[in-house]
Amino acid sequence: MIHFSTLKEYCEGINIPSPRHHDYDVRSFQENMKTVHHKMSLHKHEFYALALKLEGSGYTKTGNYSTKNLEATLFFNSPYQITYWDILPDWEGYYIMFTEDFYIEKNPTAQIGQEFPFLLVDNTIPLDIAKEDIPTFLSIFKEAFNEYNSGADFNKEIIYHHTKALLYKAARLFKKQINESELQFTQRDGDIILVSRFKNQIETSFHPGQSFENAEPHKVQFYADRLSVHPNHLNALCKRITSHSASELIYKHILSLAKSRLVNTDKSVKEIAFELYYNYPNHFAKFFKKQTGMTPGTFRK
């Protein structure tokens, strides 16, 4: 199965022009139709996507959910989710793709899976949009699209706020249309659910104000115990589904939080280290340098 690690790889893989930025991308389906592969086999990628389909023949399937037979639709992709499509070149609408880093950079305490359950791997149910609601969603997507292509100052910040507005409006729609019993009895892949729960546990474990000993949330064993599985089993599932080990997923999240706090706060490196549950700041500095090739202080400059 094809696995796209970057937005650039993804765009090349589906045969559309490269993105302007490495961590977010805004497109219209109309512009993509000129070159995009109209039939795309099973694949997965490492980012989130929020899409508004207004018209179009064929369908896309994400996990267990399909847009087949749906008209105006809001649909989603999550990292590592299996996706494929078979469409005709008549699609109209817009989409925004973004990495976890893009979202966390502006909101270091964010728990995206908690805030927006429709972005959990096993909850990405397409949502019908009533005719009277289409102009609201369409307006925000258009503004984000125009802003993206303008290349103007504060482009990223403005698109972040458009994205967040869309996510909250989608959350309202999700709450209105989807009830817990529907989620509970929808057929799902148990392994994907477990990895989704693991990623959610990583997010919640680094929320401020908790107390741990011995840097526990840095360890696979910590999450395996919470999920009642053997760490080797959890690691094998993560590797199969995401192409990353369980430890790598933990480290990716820690690194995203660290970068965001170094850039967006005036907290000392020592304070950030303690917030990320490092008992010794030098251990945090070693971790950061190993992951990025530079010290936290150098990165901040």
C-alpha atoms as a PDB file:
ATOM      1  CA  MET A   1       0.000   0.000   0.000  1.00  0.00           C
ATOM      2  CA  ILE A   2       1.230   3.507  -0.817  1.00  0.00           C
ATOM      3  CA  HIS A   3       2.156   5.628   2.213  1.00  0.00           C
ATOM      4  CA  PHE A   4       2.647   9.375   1.791  1.00  0.00           C
ATOM      5  CA  SER A   5       4.759  10.932   4.546  1.00  0.00           C
ATOM      6  CA  THR A   6       4.655  14.541   3.323  1.00  0.00           C
ATOM      7  CA  LEU A   7       2.180  16.790   1.560  1.00  0.00           C
ATOM      8  CA  LYS A   8       4.624  17.084  -1.331  1.00  0.00           C
ATOM      9  CA  GLU A   9       4.727  13.290  -1.751  1.00  0.00           C
ATOM     10  CA  TYR A  10       0.941  13.156  -1.596  1.00  0.00           C
ATOM     11  CA  CYS A  11       0.475  15.826  -4.264  1.00  0.00           C
ATOM     12  CA  GLU A  12       2.983  14.110  -6.542  1.00  0.00           C
ATOM     13  CA  GLY A  13       1.308  10.754  -5.888  1.00  0.00           C
ATOM     14  CA  ILE A  14      -2.156  11.924  -6.945  1.00  0.00           C
ATOM     15  CA  ASN A  15      -0.696  13.997  -9.809  1.00  0.00           C
ATOM     16  CA  ILE A  16      -1.411  17.597  -8.809  1.00  0.00           C
ATOM     17  CA  PRO A  17       1.056  20.510  -8.419  1.00  0.00           C
ATOM     18  CA  SER A  18       3.220  20.616  -5.299  1.00  0.00           C
ATOM     19  CA  PRO A  19       1.864  22.457  -2.236  1.00  0.00           C
ATOM     20  CA  ARG A  20       3.055  25.972  -1.430  1.00  0.00           C
ATOM     21  CA  HIS A  21       3.790  24.982   2.176  1.00  0.00           C
ATOM     22  CA  HIS A  22       5.012  21.809   3.875  1.00  0.00           C
ATOM     23  CA  ASP A  23       2.417  21.750   6.664  1.00  0.00           C
ATOM     24  CA  TYR A  24      -0.845  22.956   5.097  1.00  0.00           C
ATOM     25  CA  ASP A  25      -2.522  22.970   1.703  1.00  0.00           C
ATOM     26  CA  VAL A  26      -5.795  24.459   0.418  1.00  0.00           C
ATOM     27  CA  ARG A  27      -7.237  23.374  -2.943  1.00  0.00           C
ATOM     28  CA  SER A  28     -10.369  23.412  -5.047  1.00  0.00           C
ATOM     29  CA  PHE A  29     -11.530  20.148  -6.576  1.00  0.00           C
ATOM     30  CA  GLN A  30     -12.123  22.028  -9.840  1.00  0.00           C
ATOM     31  CA  GLU A  31      -8.428  22.881 -10.265  1.00  0.00           C
ATOM     32  CA  ASN A  32      -7.391  19.336  -9.321  1.00  0.00           C
ATOM     33  CA  MET A  33      -9.668  17.737 -11.926  1.00  0.00           C
ATOM     34  CA  LYS A  34      -7.334  18.810 -14.733  1.00  0.00           C
ATOM     35  CA  THR A  35      -4.565  16.398 -13.714  1.00  0.00           C
ATOM     36  CA  VAL A  36      -5.546  14.341 -10.653  1.00  0.00           C
ATOM     37  CA  HIS A  37      -5.775  10.545 -10.906  1.00  0.00           C
ATOM     38  CA  HIS A  38      -9.510   9.921 -11.155  1.00  0.00           C
ATOM     39  CA  LYS A  39      -9.054   6.442  -9.792  1.00  0.00           C
ATOM     40  CA  MET A  40      -6.704   6.111  -6.829  1.00  0.00           C
ATOM     41  CA  SER A  41      -5.904   2.751  -5.219  1.00  0.00           C
ATOM     42  CA  LEU A  42      -5.571   2.120  -1.478  1.00  0.00           C
ATOM     43  CA  HIS A  43      -3.229   4.583   0.197  1.00  0.00           C
ATOM     44  CA  LYS A  44      -2.672   6.437   3.461  1.00  0.00           C
ATOM     45  CA  HIS A  45      -0.991   9.653   4.528  1.00  0.00           C
ATOM     46  CA  GLU A  46       0.132  11.454   7.689  1.00  0.00           C
ATOM     47  CA  PHE A  47      -2.146  14.492   7.812  1.00  0.00           C
ATOM     48  CA  TYR A  48      -5.699  15.647   8.496  1.00  0.00           C
ATOM     49  CA  ALA A  49      -8.109  16.718   5.769  1.00  0.00           C
ATOM     50  CA  LEU A  50     -11.395  18.582   5.843  1.00  0.00           C
ATOM     51  CA  ALA A  51     -13.282  18.610   2.525  1.00  0.00           C
ATOM     52  CA  LEU A  52     -16.460  20.151   1.153  1.00  0.00           C
ATOM     53  CA  LYS A  53     -17.918  18.313  -1.843  1.00  0.00           C
ATOM     54  CA  LEU A  54     -20.685  20.273  -3.569  1.00  0.00           C
ATOM     55  CA  GLU A  55     -21.127  18.179  -6.699  1.00  0.00           C
ATOM     56  CA  GLY A  56     -19.445  15.278  -8.439  1.00  0.00           C
ATOM     57  CA  SER A  57     -19.870  11.744  -9.746  1.00  0.00           C
ATOM     58  CA  GLY A  58     -18.204   8.730  -8.171  1.00  0.00           C
ATOM     59  CA  TYR A  59     -17.051   8.443  -4.585  1.00  0.00           C
ATOM     60  CA  THR A  60     -14.197   8.492  -2.146  1.00  0.00           C
ATOM     61  CA  LYS A  61     -13.936   6.003   0.700  1.00  0.00           C
ATOM     62  CA  THR A  62     -12.141   6.730   3.953  1.00  0.00           C
ATOM     63  CA  GLY A  63     -11.873   3.851   6.406  1.00  0.00           C
ATOM     64  CA  ASN A  64     -15.367   2.322   6.551  1.00  0.00           C
ATOM     65  CA  TYR A  65     -17.148   5.406   5.278  1.00  0.00           C
ATOM     66  CA  SER A  66     -18.003   6.423   1.715  1.00  0.00           C
ATOM     67  CA  THR A  67     -19.388   9.565   0.044  1.00  0.00           C
ATOM     68  CA  LYS A  68     -21.312   7.391  -2.423  1.00  0.00           C
ATOM     69  CA  ASN A  69     -24.897   8.597  -3.028  1.00  0.00           C
ATOM     70  CA  LEU A  70     -24.287  11.734  -0.943  1.00  0.00           C
ATOM     71  CA  GLU A  71     -24.823  15.217  -2.371  1.00  0.00           C
ATOM     72  CA  ALA A  72     -23.425  18.274  -0.543  1.00  0.00           C
ATOM     73  CA  THR A  73     -21.070  16.624   1.919  1.00  0.00           C
ATOM     74  CA  LEU A  74     -18.426  17.448   4.478  1.00  0.00           C
ATOM     75  CA  PHE A  75     -15.931  14.600   4.773  1.00  0.00           C
ATOM     76  CA  PHE A  76     -12.667  13.974   6.586  1.00  0.00           C
ATOM     77  CA  ASN A  77      -9.340  12.120   6.509  1.00  0.00           C
ATOM     78  CA  SER A  78      -7.124  11.339   9.486  1.00  0.00           C
ATOM     79  CA  PRO A  79      -3.451  10.353   9.616  1.00  0.00           C
ATOM     80  CA  TYR A  80      -2.765   6.727   8.620  1.00  0.00           C
ATOM     81  CA  GLN A  81      -6.344   6.099   7.543  1.00  0.00           C
ATOM     82  CA  ILE A  82      -6.806   3.923   4.459  1.00  0.00           C
ATOM     83  CA  THR A  83      -8.353   5.913   1.612  1.00  0.00           C
ATOM     84  CA  TYR A  84      -9.196   5.379  -2.046  1.00  0.00           C
ATOM     85  CA  TRP A  85     -11.451   6.936  -4.665  1.00  0.00           C
ATOM     86  CA  ASP A  86     -13.078   6.412  -8.035  1.00  0.00           C
ATOM     87  CA  ILE A  87     -14.441   9.673  -9.437  1.00  0.00           C
ATOM     88  CA  LEU A  88     -15.316  11.463 -12.664  1.00  0.00           C
ATOM     89  CA  PRO A  89     -13.702  14.830 -13.490  1.00  0.00           C
ATOM     90  CA  ASP A  90     -16.793  16.815 -12.471  1.00  0.00           C
ATOM     91  CA  TRP A  91     -16.146  17.375  -8.762  1.00  0.00           C
ATOM     92  CA  GLU A  92     -16.708  20.813  -7.280  1.00  0.00           C
ATOM     93  CA  GLY A  93     -15.723  21.976  -3.812  1.00  0.00           C
ATOM     94  CA  TYR A  94     -12.691  22.644  -1.641  1.00  0.00           C
ATOM     95  CA  TYR A  95     -10.445  20.963   0.885  1.00  0.00           C
ATOM     96  CA  ILE A  96      -7.848  21.849   3.491  1.00  0.00           C
ATOM     97  CA  MET A  97      -5.079  19.439   4.476  1.00  0.00           C
ATOM     98  CA  PHE A  98      -2.840  20.076   7.460  1.00  0.00           C
ATOM     99  CA  THR A  99      -0.293  18.342   9.644  1.00  0.00           C
ATOM    100  CA  GLU A 100      -0.502  17.903  13.398  1.00  0.00           C
ATOM    101  CA  ASP A 101       2.347  20.427  13.692  1.00  0.00           C
ATOM    102  CA  PHE A 102       0.272  23.056  11.863  1.00  0.00           C
ATOM    103  CA  TYR A 103      -2.524  22.763  14.418  1.00  0.00           C
ATOM    104  CA  ILE A 104      -0.396  22.438  17.547  1.00  0.00           C
ATOM    105  CA  GLU A 105       1.969  25.279  16.615  1.00  0.00           C
ATOM    106  CA  LYS A 106      -0.737  27.861  17.326  1.00  0.00           C
ATOM    107  CA  ASN A 107      -2.308  25.955  20.201  1.00  0.00           C
ATOM    108  CA  PRO A 108       0.324  24.075  22.271  1.00  0.00           C
ATOM    109  CA  THR A 109      -2.248  22.503  24.632  1.00  0.00           C
ATOM    110  CA  ALA A 110      -4.512  21.287  21.820  1.00  0.00           C
ATOM    111  CA  GLN A 111      -6.034  17.808  21.956  1.00  0.00           C
ATOM    112  CA  ILE A 112      -7.376  17.521  18.447  1.00  0.00           C
ATOM    113  CA  GLY A 113      -8.985  14.106  18.928  1.00  0.00           C
ATOM    114  CA  GLN A 114     -10.792  15.266  22.068  1.00  0.00           C
ATOM    115  CA  GLU A 115     -12.008  18.525  20.535  1.00  0.00           C
ATOM    116  CA  PHE A 116     -13.013  17.060  17.198  1.00  0.00           C
ATOM    117  CA  PRO A 117     -14.054  13.386  17.491  1.00  0.00           C
ATOM    118  CA  PHE A 118     -14.814  13.190  13.765  1.00  0.00           C
ATOM    119  CA  LEU A 119     -11.034  13.362  13.189  1.00  0.00           C
ATOM    120  CA  LEU A 120     -10.418  10.149  15.125  1.00  0.00           C
ATOM    121  CA  VAL A 121      -9.527   7.376  12.693  1.00  0.00           C
ATOM    122  CA  ASP A 122     -12.675   5.350  13.368  1.00  0.00           C
ATOM    123  CA  ASN A 123     -15.146   8.275  13.464  1.00  0.00           C
ATOM    124  CA  THR A 124     -14.639   9.966  10.080  1.00  0.00           C
ATOM    125  CA  ILE A 125     -18.279   9.783   9.035  1.00  0.00           C
ATOM    126  CA  PRO A 126     -19.255  12.019   6.074  1.00  0.00           C
ATOM    127  CA  LEU A 127     -21.808  14.645   7.087  1.00  0.00           C
ATOM    128  CA  ASP A 128     -24.732  15.848   4.990  1.00  0.00           C
ATOM    129  CA  ILE A 129     -24.958  19.612   4.648  1.00  0.00           C
ATOM    130  CA  ALA A 130     -28.409  21.175   4.442  1.00  0.00           C
ATOM    131  CA  LYS A 131     -28.946  23.639   1.586  1.00  0.00           C
ATOM    132  CA  GLU A 132     -29.267  26.552   3.985  1.00  0.00           C
ATOM    133  CA  ASP A 133     -25.877  25.695   5.577  1.00  0.00           C
ATOM    134  CA  ILE A 134     -23.911  25.399   2.326  1.00  0.00           C
ATOM    135  CA  PRO A 135     -23.212  29.163   1.938  1.00  0.00           C
ATOM    136  CA  THR A 136     -21.641  29.333   5.408  1.00  0.00           C
ATOM    137  CA  PHE A 137     -19.200  26.478   4.805  1.00  0.00           C
ATOM    138  CA  LEU A 138     -18.538  27.537   1.214  1.00  0.00           C
ATOM    139  CA  SER A 139     -17.712  31.099   2.261  1.00  0.00           C
ATOM    140  CA  ILE A 140     -15.064  29.993   4.771  1.00  0.00           C
ATOM    141  CA  PHE A 141     -13.481  27.494   2.372  1.00  0.00           C
ATOM    142  CA  LYS A 142     -13.366  30.150  -0.374  1.00  0.00           C
ATOM    143  CA  GLU A 143     -11.755  32.676   1.967  1.00  0.00           C
ATOM    144  CA  ALA A 144      -9.130  30.114   2.985  1.00  0.00           C
ATOM    145  CA  PHE A 145      -8.511  29.198  -0.667  1.00  0.00           C
ATOM    146  CA  ASN A 146      -8.099  32.828  -1.750  1.00  0.00           C
ATOM    147  CA  GLU A 147      -5.865  33.582   1.217  1.00  0.00           C
ATOM    148  CA  TYR A 148      -3.696  30.543   0.474  1.00  0.00           C
ATOM    149  CA  ASN A 149      -3.161  31.647  -3.109  1.00  0.00           C
ATOM    150  CA  SER A 150      -2.529  35.286  -2.204  1.00  0.00           C
ATOM    151  CA  GLY A 151       0.751  34.550  -0.416  1.00  0.00           C
ATOM    152  CA  ALA A 152       0.147  37.687   1.659  1.00  0.00           C
ATOM    153  CA  ASP A 153       1.568  38.431   5.102  1.00  0.00           C
ATOM    154  CA  PHE A 154       0.096  36.409   7.991  1.00  0.00           C
ATOM    155  CA  ASN A 155      -1.202  33.889   5.460  1.00  0.00           C
ATOM    156  CA  LYS A 156      -0.608  30.923   7.761  1.00  0.00           C
ATOM    157  CA  GLU A 157      -2.220  32.557  10.789  1.00  0.00           C
ATOM    158  CA  ILE A 158      -5.352  33.498   8.859  1.00  0.00           C
ATOM    159  CA  ILE A 159      -5.722  30.038   7.315  1.00  0.00           C
ATOM    160  CA  TYR A 160      -5.259  28.493  10.755  1.00  0.00           C
ATOM    161  CA  HIS A 161      -8.245  30.488  12.022  1.00  0.00           C
ATOM    162  CA  HIS A 162     -10.330  29.576   8.957  1.00  0.00           C
ATOM    163  CA  THR A 163      -9.463  25.919   9.568  1.00  0.00           C
ATOM    164  CA  LYS A 164     -10.400  26.134  13.223  1.00  0.00           C
ATOM    165  CA  ALA A 165     -13.711  27.827  12.389  1.00  0.00           C
ATOM    166  CA  LEU A 166     -14.516  25.014   9.951  1.00  0.00           C
ATOM    167  CA  LEU A 167     -13.587  22.377  12.515  1.00  0.00           C
ATOM    168  CA  TYR A 168     -15.901  23.863  15.139  1.00  0.00           C
ATOM    169  CA  LYS A 169     -18.749  24.172  12.640  1.00  0.00           C
ATOM    170  CA  ALA A 170     -18.130  20.553  11.626  1.00  0.00           C
ATOM    171  CA  ALA A 171     -18.184  19.568  15.316  1.00  0.00           C
ATOM    172  CA  ARG A 172     -21.608  21.192  15.684  1.00  0.00           C
ATOM    173  CA  LEU A 173     -22.859  19.294  12.640  1.00  0.00           C
ATOM    174  CA  PHE A 174     -21.315  16.030  13.860  1.00  0.00           C
ATOM    175  CA  LYS A 175     -23.012  16.376  17.242  1.00  0.00           C
ATOM    176  CA  LYS A 176     -26.344  17.059  15.568  1.00  0.00           C
ATOM    177  CA  GLN A 177     -26.214  14.194  13.061  1.00  0.00           C
ATOM    178  CA  ILE A 178     -24.289  11.404  14.785  1.00  0.00           C
ATOM    179  CA  ASN A 179     -25.342   9.778  18.029  1.00  0.00           C
ATOM    180  CA  GLU A 180     -23.219   7.558  20.264  1.00  0.00           C
ATOM    181  CA  SER A 181     -25.152   4.390  19.440  1.00  0.00           C
ATOM    182  CA  GLU A 182     -24.415   4.845  15.739  1.00  0.00           C
ATOM    183  CA  LEU A 183     -20.711   5.118  16.502  1.00  0.00           C
ATOM    184  CA  GLN A 184     -20.826   2.151  18.839  1.00  0.00           C
ATOM    185  CA  PHE A 185     -22.392  -0.235  16.347  1.00  0.00           C
ATOM    186  CA  THR A 186     -20.671   0.885  13.172  1.00  0.00           C
ATOM    187  CA  GLN A 187     -18.424  -1.839  11.824  1.00  0.00           C
ATOM    188  CA  ARG A 188     -14.784  -0.929  12.437  1.00  0.00           C
ATOM    189  CA  ASP A 189     -11.327  -2.418  12.315  1.00  0.00           C
ATOM    190  CA  GLY A 190     -10.280  -3.203  15.892  1.00  0.00           C
ATOM    191  CA  ASP A 191      -6.580  -2.649  15.219  1.00  0.00           C
ATOM    192  CA  ILE A 192      -7.199   0.818  13.789  1.00  0.00           C
ATOM    193  CA  ILE A 193      -9.369   1.670  16.786  1.00  0.00           C
ATOM    194  CA  LEU A 194      -6.580   0.638  19.160  1.00  0.00           C
ATOM    195  CA  VAL A 195      -4.018   2.804  17.376  1.00  0.00           C
ATOM    196  CA  SER A 196      -6.517   5.673  17.373  1.00  0.00           C
ATOM    197  CA  ARG A 197      -7.007   5.260  21.130  1.00  0.00           C
ATOM    198  CA  PHE A 198      -3.228   5.157  21.589  1.00  0.00           C
ATOM    199  CA  LYS A 199      -2.792   8.455  19.725  1.00  0.00           C
ATOM    200  CA  ASN A 200      -5.593   9.989  21.771  1.00  0.00           C
ATOM    201  CA  GLN A 201      -3.896   8.810  24.982  1.00  0.00           C
ATOM    202  CA  ILE A 202      -0.654  10.472  23.869  1.00  0.00           C
ATOM    203  CA  GLU A 203      -2.484  13.778  23.419  1.00  0.00           C
ATOM    204  CA  THR A 204      -4.262  13.681  26.771  1.00  0.00           C
ATOM    205  CA  SER A 205      -1.179  12.531  28.690  1.00  0.00           C
ATOM    206  CA  PHE A 206       0.698  15.713  27.816  1.00  0.00           C
ATOM    207  CA  HIS A 207      -2.078  18.029  28.924  1.00  0.00           C
ATOM    208  CA  PRO A 208      -0.731  20.510  31.541  1.00  0.00           C
ATOM    209  CA  GLY A 209      -1.073  19.966  35.265  1.00  0.00           C
ATOM    210  CA  GLN A 210      -0.713  16.199  35.497  1.00  0.00           C
ATOM    211  CA  SER A 211       1.735  14.353  37.698  1.00  0.00           C
ATOM    212  CA  PHE A 212       3.926  11.471  36.533  1.00  0.00           C
ATOM    213  CA  GLU A 213       7.070   9.819  37.770  1.00  0.00           C
ATOM    214  CA  ASN A 214      10.115   8.783  35.759  1.00  0.00           C
ATOM    215  CA  ALA A 215       8.942  10.378  32.497  1.00  0.00           C
ATOM    216  CA  GLU A 216       6.221   7.731  32.209  1.00  0.00           C
ATOM    217  CA  PRO A 217       4.300   9.290  29.288  1.00  0.00           C
ATOM    218  CA  HIS A 218       7.470   8.982  27.199  1.00  0.00           C
ATOM    219  CA  LYS A 219       7.316   5.184  27.447  1.00  0.00           C
ATOM    220  CA  VAL A 220       5.362   2.702  25.345  1.00  0.00           C
ATOM    221  CA  GLN A 221       4.757   0.574  28.451  1.00  0.00           C
ATOM    222  CA  PHE A 222       2.797   3.438  30.038  1.00  0.00           C
ATOM    223  CA  TYR A 223       0.253   3.433  27.191  1.00  0.00           C
ATOM    224  CA  ALA A 224       0.221  -0.338  26.778  1.00  0.00           C
ATOM    225  CA  ASP A 225      -0.825  -0.659  30.428  1.00  0.00           C
ATOM    226  CA  ARG A 226      -3.622   1.862  29.938  1.00  0.00           C
ATOM    227  CA  LEU A 227      -4.840   0.063  26.821  1.00  0.00           C
ATOM    228  CA  SER A 228      -4.454  -3.403  28.373  1.00  0.00           C
ATOM    229  CA  VAL A 229      -2.159  -4.715  25.642  1.00  0.00           C
ATOM    230  CA  HIS A 230       1.435  -5.915  25.520  1.00  0.00           C
ATOM    231  CA  PRO A 231       3.850  -3.164  24.415  1.00  0.00           C
ATOM    232  CA  ASN A 232       5.235  -5.408  21.651  1.00  0.00           C
ATOM    233  CA  HIS A 233       1.718  -5.881  20.280  1.00  0.00           C
ATOM    234  CA  LEU A 234       1.045  -2.135  20.388  1.00  0.00           C
ATOM    235  CA  ASN A 235       4.338  -1.459  18.660  1.00  0.00           C
ATOM    236  CA  ALA A 236       3.616  -4.022  15.925  1.00  0.00           C
ATOM    237  CA  LEU A 237       0.172  -2.525  15.252  1.00  0.00           C
ATOM    238  CA  CYS A 238       1.564   1.002  15.059  1.00  0.00           C
ATOM    239  CA  LYS A 239       4.274  -0.133  12.670  1.00  0.00           C
ATOM    240  CA  ARG A 240       1.786  -1.930  10.420  1.00  0.00           C
ATOM    241  CA  ILE A 241      -0.848   0.807  10.360  1.00  0.00           C
ATOM    242  CA  THR A 242       1.255   3.997  10.516  1.00  0.00           C
ATOM    243  CA  SER A 243       4.717   2.808   9.376  1.00  0.00           C
ATOM    244  CA  HIS A 244       6.049   4.319  12.631  1.00  0.00           C
ATOM    245  CA  SER A 245       6.858   2.531  15.871  1.00  0.00           C
ATOM    246  CA  ALA A 246       4.869   3.384  19.003  1.00  0.00           C
ATOM    247  CA  SER A 247       7.903   5.227  20.379  1.00  0.00           C
ATOM    248  CA  GLU A 248       8.220   7.272  17.192  1.00  0.00           C
ATOM    249  CA  LEU A 249       4.593   8.405  17.471  1.00  0.00           C
ATOM    250  CA  ILE A 250       5.191   9.475  21.079  1.00  0.00           C
ATOM    251  CA  TYR A 251       8.373  11.328  20.144  1.00  0.00           C
ATOM    252  CA  LYS A 252       6.680  13.053  17.184  1.00  0.00           C
ATOM    253  CA  HIS A 253       4.031  14.453  19.505  1.00  0.00           C
ATOM    254  CA  ILE A 254       6.555  15.572  22.132  1.00  0.00           C
ATOM    255  CA  LEU A 255       8.597  17.273  19.419  1.00  0.00           C
ATOM    256  CA  SER A 256       5.532  19.105  18.053  1.00  0.00           C
ATOM    257  CA  LEU A 257       4.682  20.393  21.525  1.00  0.00           C
ATOM    258  CA  ALA A 258       8.282  21.388  22.211  1.00  0.00           C
ATOM    259  CA  LYS A 259       8.635  23.339  18.955  1.00  0.00           C
ATOM    260  CA  SER A 260       5.347  25.128  19.520  1.00  0.00           C
ATOM    261  CA  ARG A 261       6.282  26.213  23.041  1.00  0.00           C
ATOM    262  CA  LEU A 262       9.757  27.311  22.022  1.00  0.00           C
ATOM    263  CA  VAL A 263       8.343  29.487  19.239  1.00  0.00           C
ATOM    264  CA  ASN A 264       5.146  30.783  20.834  1.00  0.00           C
ATOM    265  CA  THR A 265       6.037  31.250  24.513  1.00  0.00           C
ATOM    266  CA  ASP A 266       8.799  32.973  26.444  1.00  0.00           C
ATOM    267  CA  LYS A 267       9.162  30.053  28.852  1.00  0.00           C
ATOM    268  CA  SER A 268      12.686  28.888  29.538  1.00  0.00           C
ATOM    269  CA  VAL A 269      13.950  25.614  28.100  1.00  0.00           C
ATOM    270  CA  LYS A 270      13.987  24.278  31.655  1.00  0.00           C
ATOM    271  CA  GLU A 271      10.298  25.144  32.159  1.00  0.00           C
ATOM    272  CA  ILE A 272       9.339  23.523  28.862  1.00  0.00           C
ATOM    273  CA  ALA A 273      11.323  20.404  29.759  1.00  0.00           C
ATOM    274  CA  PHE A 274       9.418  20.041  33.033  1.00  0.00           C
ATOM    275  CA  GLU A 275       6.080  20.677  31.285  1.00  0.00           C
ATOM    276  CA  LEU A 276       6.882  17.781  28.948  1.00  0.00           C
ATOM    277  CA  TYR A 277       7.647  15.557  31.951  1.00  0.00           C
ATOM    278  CA  TYR A 278      11.410  15.477  31.681  1.00  0.00           C
ATOM    279  CA  ASN A 279      12.875  15.236  35.172  1.00  0.00           C
ATOM    280  CA  TYR A 280      16.180  16.630  33.925  1.00  0.00           C
ATOM    281  CA  PRO A 281      16.333  19.478  31.364  1.00  0.00           C
ATOM    282  CA  ASN A 282      19.532  18.082  29.856  1.00  0.00           C
ATOM    283  CA  HIS A 283      17.613  14.907  28.905  1.00  0.00           C
ATOM    284  CA  PHE A 284      15.113  17.078  27.041  1.00  0.00           C
ATOM    285  CA  ALA A 285      17.932  18.974  25.309  1.00  0.00           C
ATOM    286  CA  LYS A 286      19.538  15.685  24.193  1.00  0.00           C
ATOM    287  CA  PHE A 287      16.207  14.400  22.891  1.00  0.00           C
ATOM    288  CA  PHE A 288      15.537  17.626  20.988  1.00  0.00           C
ATOM    289  CA  LYS A 289      18.987  17.702  19.415  1.00  0.00           C
ATOM    290  CA  LYS A 290      18.748  14.050  18.402  1.00  0.00           C
ATOM    291  CA  GLN A 291      15.419  14.703  16.672  1.00  0.00           C
ATOM    292  CA  THR A 292      16.239  18.046  15.021  1.00  0.00           C
ATOM    293  CA  GLY A 293      20.021  18.327  14.875  1.00  0.00           C
ATOM    294  CA  MET A 294      19.991  21.509  16.952  1.00  0.00           C
ATOM    295  CA  THR A 295      19.611  22.536  20.587  1.00  0.00           C
ATOM    296  CA  PRO A 296      16.313  24.019  21.848  1.00  0.00           C
ATOM    297  CA  GLY A 297      18.030  27.388  22.237  1.00  0.00           C
ATOM    298  CA  THR A 298      19.313  27.387  18.661  1.00  0.00           C
ATOM    299  CA  PHE A 299      15.884  26.369  17.330  1.00  0.00           C
ATOM    300  CA  ARG A 300      14.263  29.236  19.228  1.00  0.00           C
ATOM    301  CA  LYS A 301      16.572  31.789  17.576  1.00  0.00           C
END
